[in-house]
Protein backbone atom coordinates (compact mmCIF):
# COMPACT_ATOMS: atom_id res chain seq x y z
CA MET A 1 -0.03 -15.59 18.07
CA PRO A 2 -1.85 -14.21 14.99
CA GLU A 3 -4.95 -16.07 13.98
CA PHE A 4 -5.67 -16.54 10.25
CA LYS A 5 -8.64 -18.17 8.83
CA PRO A 6 -10.76 -18.62 5.58
CA LEU A 7 -13.77 -16.32 5.19
CA HIS A 8 -17.10 -16.37 3.47
CA PHE A 9 -16.08 -13.73 0.72
CA TYR A 10 -18.42 -12.02 -1.67
CA SER A 11 -17.10 -11.68 -5.19
CA TYR A 12 -18.53 -10.63 -8.74
CA ASP A 13 -20.27 -13.46 -10.47
CA TRP A 14 -17.43 -14.01 -12.92
CA SER A 15 -19.67 -16.27 -15.13
CA ARG A 16 -21.83 -13.32 -16.14
CA SER A 17 -21.23 -12.01 -19.68
CA ASP A 18 -21.55 -8.45 -18.52
CA ILE A 19 -18.86 -8.58 -15.96
CA ASP A 20 -15.27 -8.44 -17.11
CA ALA A 21 -12.55 -8.53 -14.44
CA GLU A 22 -10.41 -6.00 -16.18
CA GLN A 23 -13.35 -3.65 -16.40
CA VAL A 24 -14.72 -4.00 -12.79
CA ILE A 25 -11.42 -4.21 -10.71
CA SER A 26 -9.53 -1.05 -9.91
CA PRO A 27 -6.27 0.25 -8.49
CA PRO A 28 -6.73 1.18 -4.68
CA TYR A 29 -8.61 4.25 -3.84
CA ASP A 30 -5.63 6.13 -2.49
CA VAL A 31 -3.77 6.24 -5.80
CA LEU A 32 -6.74 7.26 -7.92
CA SER A 33 -7.13 10.87 -9.15
CA SER A 34 -10.62 12.27 -9.88
CA ASP A 35 -10.00 11.59 -13.67
CA ASP A 36 -9.21 7.99 -12.94
CA ILE A 37 -12.36 7.55 -11.06
CA GLN A 38 -14.47 9.23 -13.82
CA THR A 39 -12.78 6.89 -16.31
CA LEU A 40 -13.24 3.69 -14.34
CA SER A 41 -16.91 4.62 -13.40
CA ARG A 42 -17.92 4.32 -16.99
CA ASN A 43 -18.49 0.67 -16.30
CA LYS A 44 -21.56 0.42 -14.13
CA TYR A 45 -20.22 -2.37 -12.08
CA ASN A 46 -16.76 -1.03 -11.50
CA VAL A 47 -15.89 -1.22 -7.80
CA VAL A 48 -15.05 2.57 -7.73
CA HIS A 49 -18.82 3.12 -7.54
CA ILE A 50 -18.71 1.69 -3.88
CA ASP A 51 -15.10 2.13 -2.92
CA SER A 52 -14.75 5.86 -4.10
CA PRO A 53 -18.49 6.74 -3.98
CA ASP A 54 -20.39 10.05 -4.54
CA SER A 55 -21.64 9.42 -1.07
CA TYR A 56 -21.59 6.82 1.71
CA ASP A 57 -25.34 6.34 1.22
CA THR A 58 -24.87 5.69 -2.37
CA ALA A 59 -22.15 3.04 -1.66
CA ARG A 60 -24.57 1.21 0.69
CA GLU A 61 -27.63 1.32 -1.60
CA LEU A 62 -25.57 0.27 -4.50
CA LEU A 63 -23.92 -2.62 -2.77
CA GLN A 64 -27.29 -3.81 -1.62
CA LYS A 65 -28.55 -3.65 -5.26
CA TRP A 66 -25.60 -5.68 -6.54
CA ILE A 67 -26.17 -8.53 -3.99
CA GLN A 68 -29.95 -8.54 -4.69
CA GLN A 69 -29.23 -8.77 -8.58
CA GLU A 70 -26.61 -11.29 -7.94
CA VAL A 71 -23.82 -9.09 -9.53
CA LEU A 72 -22.07 -10.15 -6.17
CA THR A 73 -22.34 -13.63 -4.84
CA ILE A 74 -21.08 -15.23 -1.54
CA ASP A 75 -18.93 -18.36 -1.10
CA GLU A 76 -20.83 -21.39 0.28
CA GLN A 77 -17.85 -22.30 2.28
CA PRO A 78 -15.16 -20.13 3.97
CA ARG A 79 -12.10 -20.00 1.73
CA PHE A 80 -8.56 -18.68 1.24
CA TYR A 81 -7.61 -17.23 -2.10
CA ILE A 82 -4.11 -16.87 -3.59
CA LEU A 83 -2.98 -14.19 -6.06
CA ALA A 84 -0.06 -14.40 -8.41
CA SER A 85 1.00 -10.93 -9.72
CA GLU A 86 3.65 -11.04 -12.51
CA TYR A 87 5.59 -7.96 -13.36
CA ARG A 88 8.99 -6.56 -14.54
CA THR A 89 11.31 -4.37 -12.60
CA HIS A 90 15.06 -3.57 -13.13
CA GLY A 91 14.97 -5.72 -16.14
CA LYS A 92 13.71 -8.86 -14.41
CA SER A 93 10.50 -10.70 -14.32
CA ARG A 94 9.11 -11.40 -11.01
CA THR A 95 6.03 -13.22 -9.45
CA ARG A 96 4.68 -12.05 -6.06
CA TRP A 97 2.44 -14.60 -4.38
CA GLY A 98 -0.01 -13.59 -1.73
CA ILE A 99 -2.75 -15.36 0.24
CA MET A 100 -6.10 -13.67 1.22
CA GLY A 101 -8.19 -14.60 4.13
CA GLY A 102 -9.27 -13.09 7.56
CA LEU A 103 -6.65 -11.97 10.29
CA ARG A 104 -8.01 -11.58 13.85
CA LEU A 105 -7.77 -7.89 14.79
CA GLU A 106 -5.47 -6.97 17.69
CA PRO A 107 -3.72 -3.77 18.73
CA PHE A 108 -0.40 -3.08 17.15
CA GLY A 109 2.76 -4.07 18.82
CA HIS A 110 2.60 -7.90 19.78
CA ASN A 111 1.86 -9.86 16.57
CA VAL A 112 0.90 -7.22 14.14
CA PHE A 113 3.06 -4.13 13.58
CA PRO A 114 2.66 -0.85 11.68
CA HIS A 115 5.58 0.77 9.88
CA GLU A 116 4.26 4.23 8.89
CA GLU A 117 2.26 7.14 10.32
CA THR A 118 -1.18 7.76 9.04
CA TYR A 119 -3.51 10.59 8.26
CA PRO A 120 -6.54 11.38 10.38
CA LYS A 121 -8.57 12.41 7.38
CA ALA A 122 -8.19 9.19 5.55
CA LYS A 123 -9.07 7.20 8.55
CA GLU A 124 -12.37 9.11 8.93
CA ASP A 125 -13.22 8.43 5.24
CA ARG A 126 -12.56 4.70 5.58
CA LEU A 127 -14.61 4.44 8.84
CA ASN A 128 -17.60 6.10 7.15
CA LEU A 129 -17.44 3.79 4.35
CA MET A 130 -17.12 0.62 6.51
CA GLN A 131 -20.15 1.86 8.57
CA ALA A 132 -22.17 2.29 5.51
CA THR A 133 -21.11 -0.94 3.78
CA GLN A 134 -20.80 -3.05 6.85
CA GLY A 135 -17.65 -4.63 5.42
CA GLN A 136 -14.26 -4.31 3.82
CA LEU A 137 -14.03 -3.70 0.32
CA SER A 138 -10.24 -4.25 -0.22
CA PRO A 139 -7.57 -6.21 1.68
CA VAL A 140 -4.89 -4.71 3.91
CA PHE A 141 -1.52 -5.71 2.60
CA GLY A 142 0.82 -7.51 5.16
CA VAL A 143 4.02 -9.30 4.97
CA TYR A 144 5.62 -11.92 6.99
CA ASP A 145 8.90 -13.92 6.88
CA ASP A 146 8.90 -17.55 5.73
CA PRO A 147 12.36 -18.74 4.27
CA GLY A 148 10.55 -22.08 3.47
CA GLN A 149 8.23 -20.37 1.10
CA SER A 150 5.24 -22.51 1.97
CA VAL A 151 2.68 -20.23 0.26
CA GLU A 152 4.79 -20.07 -2.89
CA THR A 153 4.87 -23.91 -3.03
CA ILE A 154 0.94 -23.93 -2.75
CA GLY A 155 0.93 -21.33 -5.54
CA GLU A 156 3.08 -23.65 -7.72
CA LYS A 157 0.38 -26.26 -7.27
CA CYS A 158 -2.35 -23.92 -8.30
CA LEU A 159 -0.61 -23.15 -11.51
CA GLU A 160 -1.74 -26.72 -12.55
CA GLN A 161 -5.32 -25.49 -12.53
CA GLU A 162 -7.16 -22.77 -14.52
CA PRO A 163 -7.36 -19.52 -12.45
CA LEU A 164 -10.71 -18.19 -11.26
CA ILE A 165 -9.96 -14.95 -13.02
CA THR A 166 -6.97 -13.28 -14.95
CA PHE A 167 -6.61 -9.53 -15.49
CA ALA A 168 -3.92 -7.00 -16.22
CA GLN A 169 -3.08 -3.95 -14.25
CA GLU A 170 -1.48 -0.66 -15.31
CA ASP A 171 2.30 -0.88 -15.81
CA GLY A 172 2.21 -4.31 -17.29
CA VAL A 173 1.23 -6.24 -14.09
CA PHE A 174 -0.64 -9.50 -14.91
CA ASN A 175 -2.67 -11.10 -12.15
CA ARG A 176 -4.16 -14.52 -11.75
CA LEU A 177 -6.59 -15.45 -8.80
CA TRP A 178 -7.36 -19.01 -7.50
CA VAL A 179 -9.41 -20.48 -4.65
CA VAL A 180 -6.81 -22.25 -2.37
CA PRO A 181 -7.76 -25.94 -2.42
CA ALA A 182 -9.27 -26.79 1.06
CA GLU A 183 -6.54 -29.42 1.63
CA PHE A 184 -4.11 -26.66 2.18
CA ASN A 185 -6.17 -24.65 4.66
CA ASP A 186 -4.64 -26.11 7.77
CA GLN A 187 -1.22 -25.60 6.35
CA VAL A 188 -1.90 -21.81 5.80
CA GLN A 189 -3.38 -21.36 9.19
CA ASN A 190 -0.48 -23.05 11.00
CA LEU A 191 2.12 -21.26 8.90
CA ILE A 192 0.84 -17.76 10.06
CA GLN A 193 0.43 -18.77 13.82
CA ASP A 194 4.15 -18.32 14.59
CA LYS A 195 4.81 -15.37 12.37
CA LYS A 196 4.80 -11.51 12.99
CA ILE A 197 2.87 -9.61 10.61
CA PHE A 198 4.07 -6.14 9.29
CA ILE A 199 1.56 -3.89 7.59
CA ALA A 200 2.87 -2.99 4.19
CA ASP A 201 -0.07 -1.06 2.97
CA GLY A 202 -3.46 -0.31 4.43
CA HIS A 203 -2.41 1.14 7.83
CA HIS A 204 -5.58 3.49 7.74
CA ARG A 205 -7.97 0.59 7.14
CA TYR A 206 -6.46 -1.50 9.83
CA GLU A 207 -6.70 1.24 12.42
CA THR A 208 -10.29 1.97 11.09
CA ALA A 209 -11.31 -1.69 11.56
CA LEU A 210 -9.91 -1.54 15.18
CA GLN A 211 -11.89 1.46 15.88
CA PHE A 212 -15.10 0.02 14.38
CA MET A 213 -14.67 -3.25 16.30
CA HIS A 214 -14.18 -1.35 19.60
CA ASN A 215 -17.45 0.53 18.83
CA GLN A 216 -19.53 -2.70 18.60
CA ASN A 217 -21.37 -4.47 21.27
CA PRO A 218 -19.54 -7.86 22.17
CA GLY A 219 -21.23 -11.05 21.01
CA ASP A 220 -20.73 -14.60 19.96
CA SER A 221 -20.84 -13.78 16.38
CA ALA A 222 -18.61 -10.85 15.61
CA PRO A 223 -17.30 -10.90 12.07
CA TRP A 224 -15.71 -7.52 12.43
CA GLU A 225 -13.19 -9.07 14.71
CA TYR A 226 -11.38 -10.18 11.56
CA ILE A 227 -9.96 -7.98 8.84
CA PHE A 228 -9.67 -8.95 5.16
CA VAL A 229 -5.91 -9.25 4.54
CA TYR A 230 -3.47 -10.20 1.77
CA LEU A 231 -0.26 -11.64 3.05
CA SER A 232 2.98 -11.95 1.14
CA ASN A 233 6.39 -13.44 2.02
CA ILE A 234 9.40 -11.09 2.71
CA SER A 235 11.77 -14.01 1.75
CA SER A 236 10.12 -14.28 -1.62
CA PRO A 237 12.20 -12.78 -4.59
CA GLY A 238 8.82 -11.60 -6.04
CA LEU A 239 8.34 -8.99 -3.15
CA GLU A 240 9.61 -5.69 -4.28
CA ILE A 241 9.82 -2.41 -2.27
CA PHE A 242 10.18 0.98 -4.16
CA PRO A 243 10.81 4.39 -2.43
CA TYR A 244 8.26 7.00 -2.16
CA HIS A 245 9.79 10.29 -3.51
CA ARG A 246 8.45 13.72 -2.46
CA THR A 247 7.38 16.42 -4.92
CA VAL A 248 7.01 20.19 -3.91
CA SER A 249 3.96 21.91 -5.21
CA MET A 250 3.67 25.54 -6.25
CA GLU A 251 1.51 26.31 -3.21
CA LYS A 252 4.36 27.89 -1.16
CA ARG A 253 7.42 29.34 -2.84
CA PHE A 254 10.80 28.31 -1.20
CA ASP A 255 14.03 30.04 -1.40
CA TRP A 256 16.14 27.23 -2.69
CA LYS A 257 19.40 29.32 -2.53
CA ALA A 258 18.87 29.82 1.10
CA ILE A 259 17.82 26.33 1.70
CA LEU A 260 21.09 24.98 0.10
CA ASN A 261 23.21 27.32 2.26
CA SER A 262 21.32 26.19 5.42
CA ALA A 263 21.57 22.45 4.49
CA GLY A 264 25.32 22.70 4.80
CA GLN A 265 24.99 22.52 8.55
CA TYR A 266 24.00 18.90 8.16
CA PHE A 267 24.89 17.61 4.71
CA ASP A 268 27.59 17.69 2.16
CA VAL A 269 25.88 19.25 -0.71
CA ILE A 270 27.24 18.23 -4.13
CA PRO A 271 25.83 19.54 -7.47
CA LYS A 272 25.03 16.97 -10.00
CA GLU A 273 24.33 17.65 -13.71
CA THR A 274 24.87 14.27 -15.31
CA PRO A 275 21.74 12.15 -16.46
CA ASP A 276 22.84 9.13 -14.42
CA PHE A 277 23.21 11.03 -11.08
CA LEU A 278 20.76 8.63 -9.37
CA GLN A 279 23.38 5.87 -9.55
CA GLU A 280 25.45 7.90 -7.18
CA MET A 281 23.02 7.46 -4.32
CA GLN A 282 25.06 4.64 -2.87
CA ARG A 283 23.57 4.89 0.79
CA THR A 284 19.92 4.64 2.00
CA ASP A 285 20.22 7.90 3.90
CA MET A 286 21.24 9.93 0.85
CA ILE A 287 18.76 12.43 -0.70
CA MET A 288 18.69 14.07 -4.15
CA LEU A 289 17.12 17.40 -4.53
CA CYS A 290 16.04 17.99 -8.16
CA LEU A 291 15.45 21.62 -9.22
CA PRO A 292 14.47 22.65 -12.90
CA HIS A 293 18.11 23.22 -14.12
CA ILE A 294 20.31 21.22 -11.62
CA ASN A 295 20.35 18.43 -8.88
CA TYR A 296 22.02 18.32 -5.62
CA LEU A 297 23.12 15.26 -3.80
CA PHE A 298 22.63 15.53 0.03
CA ILE A 299 25.06 13.30 2.00
CA PRO A 300 24.54 13.49 5.87
CA ARG A 301 27.65 14.66 7.52
CA ASN A 302 27.31 12.85 10.80
CA PRO A 303 25.22 9.83 10.38
CA GLY A 304 23.97 8.59 13.58
CA ASN A 305 23.65 4.98 15.09
CA ASP A 306 19.91 4.92 15.36
CA ILE A 307 18.24 2.59 12.76
CA PHE A 308 16.14 5.62 11.52
CA ASP A 309 19.22 7.38 10.52
CA ARG A 310 19.61 4.91 7.71
CA ILE A 311 16.08 5.73 6.34
CA GLY A 312 16.17 8.53 3.77
CA ALA A 313 12.46 9.58 4.41
CA TRP A 314 13.33 9.96 8.11
CA VAL A 315 16.51 12.09 7.35
CA LEU A 316 14.51 14.22 4.94
CA ASP A 317 11.78 14.77 7.46
CA ARG A 318 13.73 15.35 10.45
CA LEU A 319 16.72 17.57 8.97
CA LEU A 320 15.53 19.13 5.63
CA LEU A 321 11.83 19.58 5.77
CA ARG A 322 11.68 20.62 9.50
CA LYS A 323 14.90 22.09 10.54
CA VAL A 324 16.14 23.63 7.07
CA MET A 325 12.96 24.37 5.38
CA GLY A 326 10.94 25.14 8.53
CA MET A 327 7.91 23.05 7.90
CA ASP A 328 5.71 22.05 10.84
CA ASP A 329 3.41 19.06 11.50
CA SER A 330 0.32 20.67 10.10
CA GLU A 331 2.08 21.65 6.80
CA LEU A 332 3.50 18.25 6.52
CA ALA A 333 0.15 16.54 7.15
CA SER A 334 -1.90 19.01 4.89
CA GLU A 335 -0.84 17.41 1.61
CA LYS A 336 -0.87 20.96 0.12
CA TYR A 337 2.96 21.35 -0.18
CA LEU A 338 4.19 17.89 -0.55
CA HIS A 339 2.91 15.01 -2.57
CA TYR A 340 4.24 11.42 -3.01
CA THR A 341 5.20 9.38 -6.01
CA HIS A 342 7.36 6.27 -6.96
CA GLU A 343 7.71 7.58 -10.54
CA GLU A 344 11.22 8.96 -11.24
CA GLU A 345 11.22 9.87 -14.94
CA GLN A 346 7.78 11.47 -14.95
CA THR A 347 8.69 13.53 -11.80
CA LEU A 348 12.02 14.71 -13.27
CA GLU A 349 10.12 15.76 -16.36
CA LYS A 350 7.59 17.74 -14.57
CA VAL A 351 10.20 19.52 -12.58
CA LYS A 352 12.16 20.49 -15.75
CA LYS A 353 8.86 21.80 -17.24
CA GLY A 354 8.21 23.91 -14.10
CA GLU A 355 5.03 21.97 -13.20
CA LEU A 356 6.55 21.12 -9.92
CA GLN A 357 8.74 23.43 -7.86
CA ALA A 358 11.26 20.69 -6.89
CA ALA A 359 11.52 16.98 -6.00
CA PHE A 360 13.31 14.96 -3.36
CA LEU A 361 14.35 11.51 -4.58
CA LEU A 362 15.03 8.76 -2.08
CA GLN A 363 16.43 5.15 -1.95
CA PRO A 364 14.17 2.45 -0.95
CA VAL A 365 13.99 1.20 2.63
CA PRO A 366 15.61 -2.24 2.88
CA ILE A 367 13.10 -4.80 4.36
CA LYS A 368 15.30 -5.79 7.21
CA ILE A 369 15.48 -2.29 8.39
CA MET A 370 11.67 -1.99 8.26
CA GLN A 371 11.34 -5.14 10.30
CA GLU A 372 13.86 -3.98 12.86
CA ALA A 373 12.08 -0.68 13.23
CA CYS A 374 8.58 -2.26 13.52
CA GLU A 375 9.82 -4.62 16.14
CA ALA A 376 11.25 -1.84 18.17
CA GLY A 377 7.86 -0.19 18.26
CA ARG A 378 8.92 2.68 15.94
CA VAL A 379 7.00 4.02 12.91
CA MET A 380 8.57 5.75 9.93
CA PRO A 381 7.40 8.99 8.34
CA ARG A 382 4.30 8.78 6.16
CA LYS A 383 4.80 7.27 2.65
CA SER A 384 8.25 5.76 3.44
CA THR A 385 7.69 2.69 1.24
CA PHE A 386 5.93 1.78 -1.97
CA PHE A 387 5.25 -1.94 -2.14
CA TYR A 388 4.97 -2.70 -5.84
CA PRO A 389 2.70 -3.83 -7.41
CA LYS A 390 -0.25 -2.19 -5.62
CA LEU A 391 -3.06 -4.39 -4.64
CA PRO A 392 -6.12 -4.11 -6.89
CA THR A 393 -9.58 -3.61 -5.40
CA GLY A 394 -12.52 -5.55 -6.43
CA MET A 395 -11.33 -9.13 -6.44
CA LEU A 396 -12.97 -10.01 -3.16
CA PHE A 397 -15.29 -8.42 -0.51
CA TYR A 398 -15.62 -9.23 3.08
CA LEU A 399 -19.22 -8.14 4.06
CA TRP A 400 -20.75 -9.00 7.38
CA GLY A 401 -23.90 -6.94 7.53
CA ARG A 402 -25.97 -9.14 5.09
């Protein structure tokens, strides 16, 4: 059974007048552009200075400096924290609750399950940063299933108290962070003991933490045996999954007329010119190809019975990208030809302007399909899901080398 416990977290000293949560907390490193990093780094205490550093040595030295100057301080007692993220989607207001603590590391497949493939380059980067900082600077995002909504009930209790910090994110996301009252610690630990944990975001960091742990000498005190996680409930109405769409860069020119002809082996290909064409994607295995002047709906002709046949990203990867377009593993992993986004309107506008060669729009993966695939030991193609909103970095730090 998974072991979940409170940790001695480091955090910014929020009482300092020169530290503002909205100025030091950042979106996660893997969604930041170089321009984003430059903008965020204008604040000398923004977390990007250590999470997306100029060098790993810089991250280590600056982190040590912040601790010495008490920019960062450590909890006197191990704690769980709880985060409420309020946002709007599809015209509705939602609140996603998540609890933060330490999950004992274990190989995938028994209590903890991945759901997507990962990139070797990203794992190498995170390992180098972990070795330099001797800690974890941001939480891995995991989900579990609790129809009883115990954490949400604890969250409602926290609403009676002033939060530790409040801060807004991009896209109108409003966050509030509390320390979980110690009286609930046993309840939280017992809740997770009989649950399966599915990694929603942070596969690279989980695998990196496993590798780091295996490289250490065994000992009585081994804080790296736990990973900093944020856990959210699948059964909560506040948990939202968006699709990750694919965009085609200008790096390699494709013959779209030939692609459309060849795709007829596997799909019914239907032109769509109306502005509301996305509403016609009624099945999760359907794909919409968007070109500058017209769109095409791809409907699989002979959908199989395998669970992956219901996942648009899998159908796109296996049939369109590989068999029709002839892309191989190295091209798909290179990030030169395909990029990933959850933004539909901006993507369509870039395609129309000729800034992108094309885009493939997908339907979101239903959470139950993701669960079923994980428990069967299957992993979906990279960037199959976009759990919204993204978890910010900089609220808490789990550092053991101090």
